[in-house]
Structures are given as structure tokens and as C-alpha cells.
Amino acid sequence: MIILRNKEFSKKGKKDEETTGAAMLAGGALAPIAGHVIGDKITKKSGYLMSSDITARDKDQVKRKLLQKAKKQGIKVINAPEFENSVYTGSKAGREFRNTVAAGLRALRKHGYGDRAKDISKRLGYLLKKNGTSKVWNNIGKDRVILGKGILSDVDFLSHELGHAQYMKAGRSKSIVGKAANNLRPISEAATGKGGQVLSFAHGFKSGVKNERNKQKGKKSNTWDKVKSVAVPAALAAPMLIAEGKASLNGLKSMKKAGASKELMKQSAKRLGAAWGTYAGQASKSVVSGGAGDIAGRGYAKLTKKKDE
């Protein structure tokens, strides 16, 4: 974790609590900016994906074999050139979300609000069409893989999404870790999103205030209290990173079984590794936000010590 350096931290000898506290509070508040820069740099390393290409001659042959395997398993693969991603839609969370929305619309119609339900459906349809995700919505909860435009329909991304399908559909995999990580992935994605980053900072701030108050009173904070500002967001991010990593490994394994050449395996591993980097970059922002909140919290406690007394 990178913390913005402030000259107050480099002074030797006894430091004024208020001055140091102000510096820590300011530095902690600004540190998430550094975290975003770091996270974005990690993420942008995968930017070459959109301009990269699989040049191995056997890519189409291996893709056909993967499609045949998917068909045998009952997985339907749908091409959606208007979609800017690729996704497996058969998750439990997807089914629950679709059922919840459907139940809400039925309730509106049942209680005489048919026009409102129709309006909501119309607006939802417009937004989905506008963002190119209508095919995704129409297949949420179903055993489907949606492949987006350009490289997102290549053999390596197909293998990755089929990897998710092995863990998210009961009876296809014996991997406890893979299945658990994929089931916890929705929570993990929420925790590492923009809202999750704010909560990480707030949680770290509270933890920092508590630790500094204990120090001021001559009490020792336990190990967990000292590390939880970064440990919690890191733990919450882990399922997403594991799920994405396992899906790629599973996909590469399937490609190898399908007879992929060394050249194809090398190119696919490089691109899927870069794609995983986008998730690592997102997770790093949340972790840095937690650590920054801790520093800001300790600074606040130092700054307000004399006033409290």
C-alpha cells in the first residue's frame, strides 16, 4: 500500500500531536487517490486485450470442440455483438434476481398497477437495449454463455466462461474452492465497487480512531484490530479473484484437452492473465481505501485529543 508522503512524518524528535494528526488526516484522506492510480495502472495493463489477437492456427478448431462440449452439457452459447463483455448467466444470484423482479411486476399488476408495471418493463427494456445487455437479461438464470463483440467471442474467453459454468452449475465440478468462490462472487463484486470502496474507507477510519484512542489511554490494540482495516476488504475481494482465476484455469485445462497447440495455450494464458488483472486492480482500490481510512482515523484521533481532554 502506498501512502502519500508528508514532511510531518519525516521530522525527528518529539512531534506535536495536533500537527501530526492533521498531516495523517490529510494524507489518509488523499491516499485513496493514489490507490485509484495504482488500481487503474494494474487494470490498464489489460487494455491491450482490445487490440490483441489470437493468431494460433488451431483457434477455430479448438473453439468448435469447446462448443461441442458445451452442447453436450446442455450449455447454450449465444453471440451478442452489441454486448461489451462476456458472461455466464446461470448463476444462482442471477436466477434469484430475475425471479425477484418478475415477482415485483406480478404484484403490481395484481394490485391494479398494471400501467406502472408496463412502464417499468418498458423502461427496463430500453435501458437493456441501450447498453447492449438485452440478451443477458433474457437469459439470466439460464444455463447460457453470452459472448460479446470482437475478441470477447474468441476461444479463450469462451473457455473462461465455460469454466464459470462448471462451478456455478451443480454436478459439474468437485472443486469446493471453485464452487464456493463463484457463489460468493456477487458479494465480492459489490464490496470492491465504488460503494464498497467508500465503506472500506469508513470502516478503516473507525478502526483507526479506535486504535489511536486505545494508544492514548495506554491500552494495546489486539492484532486483529491493527490489521482489519485492510484485511476485511482483502478478504471480501478474495472470492472474486479466486473465482475469476479458477474459471480461467479450468478453461485453459479444457483447451488443452481439446488439443490446443502450445502457441494457442501461451497466447490464451497471457490474455486471460491480463483480464484477471482488471479484477486485481479493482480489488486493490478497496484495500487501499481501507488502509487510508485507518490512517485518517488515527490522524483524527490525534487532532482531537486535546479538545476531548
C-alpha atoms as a PDB file:
ATOM      1  CA  MET A   1       0.000   0.000   0.000  1.00  0.00           C
ATOM      2  CA  ILE A   2       1.330   3.431  -0.952  1.00  0.00           C
ATOM      3  CA  ILE A   3       0.753   6.264   1.474  1.00  0.00           C
ATOM      4  CA  LEU A   4       1.330   9.826   0.267  1.00  0.00           C
ATOM      5  CA  ARG A   5       4.402  11.135   1.994  1.00  0.00           C
ATOM      6  CA  ASN A   6       4.086  14.269   4.110  1.00  0.00           C
ATOM      7  CA  LYS A   7       7.019  16.190   5.541  1.00  0.00           C
ATOM      8  CA  GLU A   8       5.491  15.916   9.012  1.00  0.00           C
ATOM      9  CA  PHE A   9       6.248  12.209   9.018  1.00  0.00           C
ATOM     10  CA  SER A  10       9.954  12.776   8.446  1.00  0.00           C
ATOM     11  CA  LYS A  11      10.605  15.133  11.360  1.00  0.00           C
ATOM     12  CA  LYS A  12      12.872  13.814  14.051  1.00  0.00           C
ATOM     13  CA  GLY A  13      12.319  14.131  17.767  1.00  0.00           C
ATOM     14  CA  LYS A  14       9.058  14.754  19.599  1.00  0.00           C
ATOM     15  CA  LYS A  15       6.143  15.636  17.318  1.00  0.00           C
ATOM     16  CA  ASP A  16       3.220  17.824  18.094  1.00  0.00           C
ATOM     17  CA  GLU A  17       0.126  15.610  18.252  1.00  0.00           C
ATOM     18  CA  GLU A  18      -2.152  18.079  16.551  1.00  0.00           C
ATOM     19  CA  THR A  19       0.269  18.779  13.689  1.00  0.00           C
ATOM     20  CA  THR A  20       0.963  15.097  13.154  1.00  0.00           C
ATOM     21  CA  GLY A  21      -2.722  14.301  13.407  1.00  0.00           C
ATOM     22  CA  ALA A  22      -3.582  16.923  10.799  1.00  0.00           C
ATOM     23  CA  ALA A  23      -0.947  15.519   8.459  1.00  0.00           C
ATOM     24  CA  MET A  24      -2.209  11.959   8.920  1.00  0.00           C
ATOM     25  CA  LEU A  25      -5.813  13.004   8.451  1.00  0.00           C
ATOM     26  CA  ALA A  26      -4.957  14.861   5.230  1.00  0.00           C
ATOM     27  CA  GLY A  27      -2.657  12.120   3.965  1.00  0.00           C
ATOM     28  CA  GLY A  28      -5.172   9.404   4.751  1.00  0.00           C
ATOM     29  CA  ALA A  29      -7.969  11.291   3.046  1.00  0.00           C
ATOM     30  CA  LEU A  30      -5.846  11.737  -0.091  1.00  0.00           C
ATOM     31  CA  ALA A  31      -4.383   8.220  -0.130  1.00  0.00           C
ATOM     32  CA  PRO A  32      -7.383   6.640  -1.915  1.00  0.00           C
ATOM     33  CA  ILE A  33      -6.455   8.811  -4.901  1.00  0.00           C
ATOM     34  CA  ALA A  34      -3.096   7.064  -5.005  1.00  0.00           C
ATOM     35  CA  GLY A  35      -4.932   3.778  -4.614  1.00  0.00           C
ATOM     36  CA  HIS A  36      -7.066   4.551  -7.638  1.00  0.00           C
ATOM     37  CA  VAL A  37      -3.991   5.443  -9.669  1.00  0.00           C
ATOM     38  CA  ILE A  38      -2.351   2.155  -8.712  1.00  0.00           C
ATOM     39  CA  GLY A  39      -5.518   0.193  -9.368  1.00  0.00           C
ATOM     40  CA  ASP A  40      -6.053   1.871 -12.720  1.00  0.00           C
ATOM     41  CA  LYS A  41      -2.478   1.113 -13.763  1.00  0.00           C
ATOM     42  CA  ILE A  42      -2.989  -2.550 -12.911  1.00  0.00           C
ATOM     43  CA  THR A  43      -6.252  -2.533 -14.827  1.00  0.00           C
ATOM     44  CA  LYS A  44      -4.874  -0.678 -17.845  1.00  0.00           C
ATOM     45  CA  LYS A  45      -2.203  -3.312 -18.306  1.00  0.00           C
ATOM     46  CA  SER A  46      -5.008  -5.412 -19.746  1.00  0.00           C
ATOM     47  CA  GLY A  47      -6.016  -2.627 -22.113  1.00  0.00           C
ATOM     48  CA  TYR A  48      -4.025  -4.275 -24.874  1.00  0.00           C
ATOM     49  CA  LEU A  49      -6.672  -7.002 -24.879  1.00  0.00           C
ATOM     50  CA  MET A  50      -8.977  -4.981 -27.101  1.00  0.00           C
ATOM     51  CA  SER A  51      -6.250  -4.712 -29.731  1.00  0.00           C
ATOM     52  CA  SER A  52      -4.678  -8.142 -29.233  1.00  0.00           C
ATOM     53  CA  ASP A  53      -5.463 -11.149 -31.370  1.00  0.00           C
ATOM     54  CA  ILE A  54      -5.184 -14.915 -31.210  1.00  0.00           C
ATOM     55  CA  THR A  55      -3.006 -15.851 -34.173  1.00  0.00           C
ATOM     56  CA  ALA A  56      -2.628 -19.582 -33.492  1.00  0.00           C
ATOM     57  CA  ARG A  57      -3.917 -21.540 -36.488  1.00  0.00           C
ATOM     58  CA  ASP A  58      -5.865 -24.053 -34.415  1.00  0.00           C
ATOM     59  CA  LYS A  59      -8.006 -21.469 -32.586  1.00  0.00           C
ATOM     60  CA  ASP A  60     -11.175 -22.160 -34.617  1.00  0.00           C
ATOM     61  CA  GLN A  61     -10.729 -25.905 -34.387  1.00  0.00           C
ATOM     62  CA  VAL A  62     -10.396 -25.796 -30.584  1.00  0.00           C
ATOM     63  CA  LYS A  63     -13.358 -23.424 -30.320  1.00  0.00           C
ATOM     64  CA  ARG A  64     -15.539 -25.880 -32.246  1.00  0.00           C
ATOM     65  CA  LYS A  65     -14.583 -28.640 -29.827  1.00  0.00           C
ATOM     66  CA  LEU A  66     -15.428 -26.449 -26.835  1.00  0.00           C
ATOM     67  CA  LEU A  67     -18.800 -25.600 -28.380  1.00  0.00           C
ATOM     68  CA  GLN A  68     -19.473 -29.301 -28.869  1.00  0.00           C
ATOM     69  CA  LYS A  69     -18.598 -29.961 -25.220  1.00  0.00           C
ATOM     70  CA  ALA A  70     -20.882 -27.137 -24.108  1.00  0.00           C
ATOM     71  CA  LYS A  71     -23.747 -28.556 -26.173  1.00  0.00           C
ATOM     72  CA  LYS A  72     -23.314 -31.983 -24.579  1.00  0.00           C
ATOM     73  CA  GLN A  73     -23.500 -30.380 -21.141  1.00  0.00           C
ATOM     74  CA  GLY A  74     -26.646 -28.505 -22.085  1.00  0.00           C
ATOM     75  CA  ILE A  75     -24.975 -25.081 -22.176  1.00  0.00           C
ATOM     76  CA  LYS A  76     -26.217 -22.799 -24.939  1.00  0.00           C
ATOM     77  CA  VAL A  77     -23.653 -20.325 -26.292  1.00  0.00           C
ATOM     78  CA  ILE A  78     -25.128 -17.078 -27.647  1.00  0.00           C
ATOM     79  CA  ASN A  79     -23.294 -14.452 -29.675  1.00  0.00           C
ATOM     80  CA  ALA A  80     -24.176 -10.838 -28.819  1.00  0.00           C
ATOM     81  CA  PRO A  81     -22.043  -8.431 -30.918  1.00  0.00           C
ATOM     82  CA  GLU A  82     -23.690  -5.459 -29.196  1.00  0.00           C
ATOM     83  CA  PHE A  83     -22.569  -6.655 -25.736  1.00  0.00           C
ATOM     84  CA  GLU A  84     -19.251  -5.288 -24.411  1.00  0.00           C
ATOM     85  CA  ASN A  85     -18.417  -8.229 -22.197  1.00  0.00           C
ATOM     86  CA  SER A  86     -18.773 -11.976 -21.909  1.00  0.00           C
ATOM     87  CA  VAL A  87     -20.682 -13.731 -19.172  1.00  0.00           C
ATOM     88  CA  TYR A  88     -22.156 -16.988 -17.899  1.00  0.00           C
ATOM     89  CA  THR A  89     -25.754 -16.274 -16.895  1.00  0.00           C
ATOM     90  CA  GLY A  90     -26.667 -19.425 -14.995  1.00  0.00           C
ATOM     91  CA  SER A  91     -25.622 -18.285 -11.524  1.00  0.00           C
ATOM     92  CA  LYS A  92     -27.893 -18.717  -8.512  1.00  0.00           C
ATOM     93  CA  ALA A  93     -27.765 -14.976  -7.861  1.00  0.00           C
ATOM     94  CA  GLY A  94     -28.929 -14.320 -11.426  1.00  0.00           C
ATOM     95  CA  ARG A  95     -31.915 -16.625 -11.035  1.00  0.00           C
ATOM     96  CA  GLU A  96     -32.880 -15.023  -7.740  1.00  0.00           C
ATOM     97  CA  PHE A  97     -32.629 -11.518  -9.193  1.00  0.00           C
ATOM     98  CA  ARG A  98     -34.743 -12.382 -12.217  1.00  0.00           C
ATOM     99  CA  ASN A  99     -37.376 -14.081 -10.045  1.00  0.00           C
ATOM    100  CA  THR A 100     -37.493 -11.116  -7.657  1.00  0.00           C
ATOM    101  CA  VAL A 101     -38.058  -8.600 -10.449  1.00  0.00           C
ATOM    102  CA  ALA A 102     -40.703 -10.830 -12.037  1.00  0.00           C
ATOM    103  CA  ALA A 103     -42.478 -11.230  -8.678  1.00  0.00           C
ATOM    104  CA  GLY A 104     -42.472  -7.463  -8.161  1.00  0.00           C
ATOM    105  CA  LEU A 105     -44.063  -6.840 -11.560  1.00  0.00           C
ATOM    106  CA  ARG A 106     -46.700  -9.501 -10.913  1.00  0.00           C
ATOM    107  CA  ALA A 107     -47.536  -7.895  -7.572  1.00  0.00           C
ATOM    108  CA  LEU A 108     -48.032  -4.509  -9.253  1.00  0.00           C
ATOM    109  CA  ARG A 109     -50.408  -5.988 -11.807  1.00  0.00           C
ATOM    110  CA  LYS A 110     -52.300  -7.962  -9.168  1.00  0.00           C
ATOM    111  CA  HIS A 111     -52.986  -4.841  -7.109  1.00  0.00           C
ATOM    112  CA  GLY A 112     -54.209  -2.775 -10.034  1.00  0.00           C
ATOM    113  CA  TYR A 113     -50.966  -1.120 -11.065  1.00  0.00           C
ATOM    114  CA  GLY A 114     -50.696  -2.768 -14.457  1.00  0.00           C
ATOM    115  CA  ASP A 115     -49.798   0.501 -16.152  1.00  0.00           C
ATOM    116  CA  ARG A 116     -46.941   1.054 -13.687  1.00  0.00           C
ATOM    117  CA  ALA A 117     -45.652  -2.482 -14.264  1.00  0.00           C
ATOM    118  CA  LYS A 118     -45.854  -1.958 -18.018  1.00  0.00           C
ATOM    119  CA  ASP A 119     -43.979   1.319 -17.718  1.00  0.00           C
ATOM    120  CA  ILE A 120     -41.223  -0.277 -15.631  1.00  0.00           C
ATOM    121  CA  SER A 121     -40.861  -3.132 -18.111  1.00  0.00           C
ATOM    122  CA  LYS A 122     -40.695  -0.654 -20.978  1.00  0.00           C
ATOM    123  CA  ARG A 123     -38.032   1.442 -19.257  1.00  0.00           C
ATOM    124  CA  LEU A 124     -36.048  -1.656 -18.317  1.00  0.00           C
ATOM    125  CA  GLY A 125     -36.204  -2.882 -21.904  1.00  0.00           C
ATOM    126  CA  TYR A 126     -34.974   0.492 -23.168  1.00  0.00           C
ATOM    127  CA  LEU A 127     -32.012   0.545 -20.772  1.00  0.00           C
ATOM    128  CA  LEU A 128     -31.062  -3.025 -21.609  1.00  0.00           C
ATOM    129  CA  LYS A 129     -31.232  -2.356 -25.326  1.00  0.00           C
ATOM    130  CA  LYS A 130     -29.270   0.883 -24.914  1.00  0.00           C
ATOM    131  CA  ASN A 131     -26.460  -0.880 -23.035  1.00  0.00           C
ATOM    132  CA  GLY A 132     -26.483  -3.937 -25.263  1.00  0.00           C
ATOM    133  CA  THR A 133     -27.457  -6.300 -22.448  1.00  0.00           C
ATOM    134  CA  SER A 134     -30.941  -7.384 -23.533  1.00  0.00           C
ATOM    135  CA  LYS A 135     -29.720 -10.878 -24.396  1.00  0.00           C
ATOM    136  CA  VAL A 136     -28.090 -11.112 -20.995  1.00  0.00           C
ATOM    137  CA  TRP A 137     -31.323 -10.149 -19.225  1.00  0.00           C
ATOM    138  CA  ASN A 138     -33.382 -12.563 -21.324  1.00  0.00           C
ATOM    139  CA  ASN A 139     -31.086 -15.400 -20.268  1.00  0.00           C
ATOM    140  CA  ILE A 140     -30.381 -14.561 -16.617  1.00  0.00           C
ATOM    141  CA  GLY A 141     -30.736 -17.686 -14.521  1.00  0.00           C
ATOM    142  CA  LYS A 142     -30.450 -19.959 -17.549  1.00  0.00           C
ATOM    143  CA  ASP A 143     -27.551 -22.252 -18.438  1.00  0.00           C
ATOM    144  CA  ARG A 144     -26.149 -19.884 -21.054  1.00  0.00           C
ATOM    145  CA  VAL A 145     -22.874 -18.227 -22.086  1.00  0.00           C
ATOM    146  CA  ILE A 146     -23.159 -14.815 -23.738  1.00  0.00           C
ATOM    147  CA  LEU A 147     -20.171 -13.822 -25.873  1.00  0.00           C
ATOM    148  CA  GLY A 148     -19.724 -10.135 -26.676  1.00  0.00           C
ATOM    149  CA  LYS A 149     -18.170  -8.285 -29.564  1.00  0.00           C
ATOM    150  CA  GLY A 150     -14.741  -8.686 -31.095  1.00  0.00           C
ATOM    151  CA  ILE A 151     -12.178 -10.612 -29.096  1.00  0.00           C
ATOM    152  CA  LEU A 152     -14.806 -11.385 -26.441  1.00  0.00           C
ATOM    153  CA  SER A 153     -16.057 -14.173 -28.690  1.00  0.00           C
ATOM    154  CA  ASP A 154     -12.602 -15.742 -29.091  1.00  0.00           C
ATOM    155  CA  VAL A 155     -11.793 -19.236 -27.919  1.00  0.00           C
ATOM    156  CA  ASP A 156     -10.005 -18.124 -24.733  1.00  0.00           C
ATOM    157  CA  PHE A 157     -12.943 -16.059 -23.473  1.00  0.00           C
ATOM    158  CA  LEU A 158     -15.333 -18.871 -24.379  1.00  0.00           C
ATOM    159  CA  SER A 159     -13.197 -21.291 -22.359  1.00  0.00           C
ATOM    160  CA  HIS A 160     -13.197 -18.858 -19.411  1.00  0.00           C
ATOM    161  CA  GLU A 161     -16.996 -18.527 -19.325  1.00  0.00           C
ATOM    162  CA  LEU A 162     -17.393 -22.282 -19.685  1.00  0.00           C
ATOM    163  CA  GLY A 163     -15.055 -22.511 -16.710  1.00  0.00           C
ATOM    164  CA  HIS A 164     -17.560 -20.459 -14.672  1.00  0.00           C
ATOM    165  CA  ALA A 165     -20.303 -22.782 -15.891  1.00  0.00           C
ATOM    166  CA  GLN A 166     -18.511 -25.771 -14.364  1.00  0.00           C
ATOM    167  CA  TYR A 167     -18.576 -24.209 -10.897  1.00  0.00           C
ATOM    168  CA  MET A 168     -21.949 -22.453 -10.978  1.00  0.00           C
ATOM    169  CA  LYS A 169     -23.988 -25.412 -12.146  1.00  0.00           C
ATOM    170  CA  ALA A 170     -24.435 -28.250  -9.656  1.00  0.00           C
ATOM    171  CA  GLY A 171     -22.896 -31.588 -10.520  1.00  0.00           C
ATOM    172  CA  ARG A 172     -20.224 -30.391 -12.934  1.00  0.00           C
ATOM    173  CA  SER A 173     -17.268 -29.873 -10.626  1.00  0.00           C
ATOM    174  CA  LYS A 174     -15.947 -31.353  -7.404  1.00  0.00           C
ATOM    175  CA  SER A 175     -13.873 -28.291  -6.564  1.00  0.00           C
ATOM    176  CA  ILE A 176     -15.099 -26.956  -3.222  1.00  0.00           C
ATOM    177  CA  VAL A 177     -12.969 -23.821  -3.541  1.00  0.00           C
ATOM    178  CA  GLY A 178     -14.117 -23.083  -7.081  1.00  0.00           C
ATOM    179  CA  LYS A 179     -17.806 -23.500  -6.269  1.00  0.00           C
ATOM    180  CA  ALA A 180     -17.608 -21.505  -3.035  1.00  0.00           C
ATOM    181  CA  ALA A 181     -15.723 -18.635  -4.683  1.00  0.00           C
ATOM    182  CA  ASN A 182     -18.208 -18.394  -7.540  1.00  0.00           C
ATOM    183  CA  ASN A 183     -21.175 -18.439  -5.157  1.00  0.00           C
ATOM    184  CA  LEU A 184     -19.651 -15.613  -3.084  1.00  0.00           C
ATOM    185  CA  ARG A 185     -18.620 -13.616  -6.130  1.00  0.00           C
ATOM    186  CA  PRO A 186     -21.667 -11.242  -6.154  1.00  0.00           C
ATOM    187  CA  ILE A 187     -20.873 -10.114  -2.594  1.00  0.00           C
ATOM    188  CA  SER A 188     -17.223  -9.721  -3.522  1.00  0.00           C
ATOM    189  CA  GLU A 189     -18.015  -7.606  -6.586  1.00  0.00           C
ATOM    190  CA  ALA A 190     -20.241  -5.322  -4.530  1.00  0.00           C
ATOM    191  CA  ALA A 191     -17.524  -4.926  -1.883  1.00  0.00           C
ATOM    192  CA  THR A 192     -14.929  -3.871  -4.458  1.00  0.00           C
ATOM    193  CA  GLY A 193     -17.197  -1.495  -6.372  1.00  0.00           C
ATOM    194  CA  LYS A 194     -17.310   2.258  -5.783  1.00  0.00           C
ATOM    195  CA  GLY A 195     -19.779   1.905  -2.925  1.00  0.00           C
ATOM    196  CA  GLY A 196     -17.646  -0.815  -1.370  1.00  0.00           C
ATOM    197  CA  GLN A 197     -14.572   1.401  -1.543  1.00  0.00           C
ATOM    198  CA  VAL A 198     -16.377   4.139   0.379  1.00  0.00           C
ATOM    199  CA  LEU A 199     -17.449   1.627   3.012  1.00  0.00           C
ATOM    200  CA  SER A 200     -13.876   0.304   3.231  1.00  0.00           C
ATOM    201  CA  PHE A 201     -12.607   3.817   3.914  1.00  0.00           C
ATOM    202  CA  ALA A 202     -15.318   4.389   6.554  1.00  0.00           C
ATOM    203  CA  HIS A 203     -14.571   1.052   8.215  1.00  0.00           C
ATOM    204  CA  GLY A 204     -10.843   1.801   8.238  1.00  0.00           C
ATOM    205  CA  PHE A 205     -11.466   5.294   9.650  1.00  0.00           C
ATOM    206  CA  LYS A 206     -13.477   3.879  12.544  1.00  0.00           C
ATOM    207  CA  SER A 207     -10.800   1.268  13.186  1.00  0.00           C
ATOM    208  CA  GLY A 208      -8.037   3.899  13.132  1.00  0.00           C
ATOM    209  CA  VAL A 209      -9.861   6.114  15.633  1.00  0.00           C
ATOM    210  CA  LYS A 210     -10.344   3.158  17.954  1.00  0.00           C
ATOM    211  CA  ASN A 211      -6.699   2.066  17.766  1.00  0.00           C
ATOM    212  CA  GLU A 212      -5.381   5.578  18.398  1.00  0.00           C
ATOM    213  CA  ARG A 213      -7.780   6.121  21.322  1.00  0.00           C
ATOM    214  CA  ASN A 214      -6.520   2.875  22.870  1.00  0.00           C
ATOM    215  CA  LYS A 215      -2.943   4.045  22.428  1.00  0.00           C
ATOM    216  CA  GLN A 216      -3.721   7.369  24.082  1.00  0.00           C
ATOM    217  CA  LYS A 217      -5.198   5.524  27.068  1.00  0.00           C
ATOM    218  CA  GLY A 218      -2.189   3.228  27.320  1.00  0.00           C
ATOM    219  CA  LYS A 219      -4.097   0.207  26.057  1.00  0.00           C
ATOM    220  CA  LYS A 220      -2.838  -2.213  23.438  1.00  0.00           C
ATOM    221  CA  SER A 221      -4.985  -2.983  20.414  1.00  0.00           C
ATOM    222  CA  ASN A 222      -5.104  -6.674  19.512  1.00  0.00           C
ATOM    223  CA  THR A 223      -3.620  -7.930  16.251  1.00  0.00           C
ATOM    224  CA  TRP A 224      -6.982  -8.135  14.519  1.00  0.00           C
ATOM    225  CA  ASP A 225      -7.842  -4.509  15.315  1.00  0.00           C
ATOM    226  CA  LYS A 226      -4.488  -3.445  13.859  1.00  0.00           C
ATOM    227  CA  VAL A 227      -4.942  -5.203  10.510  1.00  0.00           C
ATOM    228  CA  LYS A 228      -8.690  -5.383   9.925  1.00  0.00           C
ATOM    229  CA  SER A 229      -8.819  -2.078   8.004  1.00  0.00           C
ATOM    230  CA  VAL A 230      -7.053  -3.811   5.095  1.00  0.00           C
ATOM    231  CA  ALA A 231      -7.772  -7.443   5.996  1.00  0.00           C
ATOM    232  CA  VAL A 232     -11.548  -7.073   5.672  1.00  0.00           C
ATOM    233  CA  PRO A 233     -11.595  -5.551   2.150  1.00  0.00           C
ATOM    234  CA  ALA A 234      -8.893  -8.018   1.079  1.00  0.00           C
ATOM    235  CA  ALA A 235     -10.967 -10.933   2.367  1.00  0.00           C
ATOM    236  CA  LEU A 236     -14.082  -9.609   0.654  1.00  0.00           C
ATOM    237  CA  ALA A 237     -12.208  -9.252  -2.637  1.00  0.00           C
ATOM    238  CA  ALA A 238     -10.740 -12.758  -2.463  1.00  0.00           C
ATOM    239  CA  PRO A 239     -13.790 -14.733  -3.730  1.00  0.00           C
ATOM    240  CA  MET A 240     -13.965 -12.635  -6.897  1.00  0.00           C
ATOM    241  CA  LEU A 241     -10.251 -13.046  -7.609  1.00  0.00           C
ATOM    242  CA  ILE A 242     -10.348 -16.770  -6.885  1.00  0.00           C
ATOM    243  CA  ALA A 243     -13.493 -17.279  -8.972  1.00  0.00           C
ATOM    244  CA  GLU A 244     -12.011 -15.499 -11.977  1.00  0.00           C
ATOM    245  CA  GLY A 245      -8.684 -17.264 -11.627  1.00  0.00           C
ATOM    246  CA  LYS A 246     -10.263 -20.703 -11.269  1.00  0.00           C
ATOM    247  CA  ALA A 247     -12.520 -20.113 -14.278  1.00  0.00           C
ATOM    248  CA  SER A 248      -9.503 -19.252 -16.436  1.00  0.00           C
ATOM    249  CA  LEU A 249      -7.502 -22.244 -15.198  1.00  0.00           C
ATOM    250  CA  ASN A 250     -10.454 -24.537 -15.831  1.00  0.00           C
ATOM    251  CA  GLY A 251     -10.872 -23.040 -19.295  1.00  0.00           C
ATOM    252  CA  LEU A 252      -7.212 -23.477 -20.181  1.00  0.00           C
ATOM    253  CA  LYS A 253      -7.380 -27.066 -18.981  1.00  0.00           C
ATOM    254  CA  SER A 254     -10.349 -27.676 -21.286  1.00  0.00           C
ATOM    255  CA  MET A 255      -8.474 -26.122 -24.201  1.00  0.00           C
ATOM    256  CA  LYS A 256      -5.504 -28.382 -23.585  1.00  0.00           C
ATOM    257  CA  LYS A 257      -7.794 -31.440 -23.527  1.00  0.00           C
ATOM    258  CA  ALA A 258      -9.261 -30.235 -26.807  1.00  0.00           C
ATOM    259  CA  GLY A 259      -5.791 -30.453 -28.346  1.00  0.00           C
ATOM    260  CA  ALA A 260      -4.746 -26.789 -28.246  1.00  0.00           C
ATOM    261  CA  SER A 261      -1.245 -26.114 -29.525  1.00  0.00           C
ATOM    262  CA  LYS A 262       1.479 -24.645 -27.339  1.00  0.00           C
ATOM    263  CA  GLU A 263       1.172 -21.373 -29.239  1.00  0.00           C
ATOM    264  CA  LEU A 264      -2.574 -21.170 -28.598  1.00  0.00           C
ATOM    265  CA  MET A 265      -2.144 -22.049 -24.925  1.00  0.00           C
ATOM    266  CA  LYS A 266       0.549 -19.398 -24.497  1.00  0.00           C
ATOM    267  CA  GLN A 267      -1.480 -16.654 -26.179  1.00  0.00           C
ATOM    268  CA  SER A 268      -4.643 -17.577 -24.278  1.00  0.00           C
ATOM    269  CA  ALA A 269      -2.895 -17.720 -20.906  1.00  0.00           C
ATOM    270  CA  LYS A 270      -1.398 -14.276 -21.491  1.00  0.00           C
ATOM    271  CA  ARG A 271      -4.733 -12.704 -22.415  1.00  0.00           C
ATOM    272  CA  LEU A 272      -6.699 -14.362 -19.615  1.00  0.00           C
ATOM    273  CA  GLY A 273      -3.985 -13.341 -17.154  1.00  0.00           C
ATOM    274  CA  ALA A 274      -4.327  -9.740 -18.285  1.00  0.00           C
ATOM    275  CA  ALA A 275      -8.103  -9.962 -17.971  1.00  0.00           C
ATOM    276  CA  TRP A 276      -7.669 -11.206 -14.382  1.00  0.00           C
ATOM    277  CA  GLY A 277      -5.589  -8.082 -13.793  1.00  0.00           C
ATOM    278  CA  THR A 278      -8.681  -5.926 -14.243  1.00  0.00           C
ATOM    279  CA  TYR A 279     -10.216  -7.595 -11.181  1.00  0.00           C
ATOM    280  CA  ALA A 280      -6.963  -7.304  -9.220  1.00  0.00           C
ATOM    281  CA  GLY A 281      -6.869  -3.587  -9.997  1.00  0.00           C
ATOM    282  CA  GLN A 282     -10.418  -3.153  -8.757  1.00  0.00           C
ATOM    283  CA  ALA A 283      -9.693  -5.099  -5.568  1.00  0.00           C
ATOM    284  CA  SER A 284      -6.554  -3.053  -4.829  1.00  0.00           C
ATOM    285  CA  LYS A 285      -8.608   0.155  -4.749  1.00  0.00           C
ATOM    286  CA  SER A 286     -10.795  -1.238  -1.980  1.00  0.00           C
ATOM    287  CA  VAL A 287      -7.828  -2.467   0.061  1.00  0.00           C
ATOM    288  CA  VAL A 288      -6.006   0.865  -0.240  1.00  0.00           C
ATOM    289  CA  SER A 289      -9.177   2.714   0.747  1.00  0.00           C
ATOM    290  CA  GLY A 290      -9.370   0.650   3.932  1.00  0.00           C
ATOM    291  CA  GLY A 291      -5.764   1.353   4.868  1.00  0.00           C
ATOM    292  CA  ALA A 292      -6.157   5.035   4.049  1.00  0.00           C
ATOM    293  CA  GLY A 293      -9.229   5.240   6.255  1.00  0.00           C
ATOM    294  CA  ASP A 294      -7.228   3.775   9.142  1.00  0.00           C
ATOM    295  CA  ILE A 295      -4.516   6.452   8.787  1.00  0.00           C
ATOM    296  CA  ALA A 296      -7.093   9.224   8.519  1.00  0.00           C
ATOM    297  CA  GLY A 297      -8.887   7.869  11.582  1.00  0.00           C
ATOM    298  CA  ARG A 298      -5.729   7.788  13.669  1.00  0.00           C
ATOM    299  CA  GLY A 299      -4.934  11.303  12.487  1.00  0.00           C
ATOM    300  CA  TYR A 300      -8.376  12.494  13.505  1.00  0.00           C
ATOM    301  CA  ALA A 301      -7.950  10.945  16.960  1.00  0.00           C
ATOM    302  CA  LYS A 302      -4.617  12.709  17.387  1.00  0.00           C
ATOM    303  CA  LEU A 303      -6.022  16.004  16.176  1.00  0.00           C
ATOM    304  CA  THR A 304      -8.955  15.922  18.594  1.00  0.00           C
ATOM    305  CA  LYS A 305      -7.111  14.521  21.613  1.00  0.00           C
ATOM    306  CA  LYS A 306      -6.596  17.837  23.439  1.00  0.00           C
ATOM    307  CA  LYS A 307     -10.119  19.018  22.661  1.00  0.00           C
ATOM    308  CA  ASP A 308     -11.575  15.871  24.141  1.00  0.00           C
ATOM    309  CA  GLU A 309      -9.496  16.277  27.244  1.00  0.00           C
END
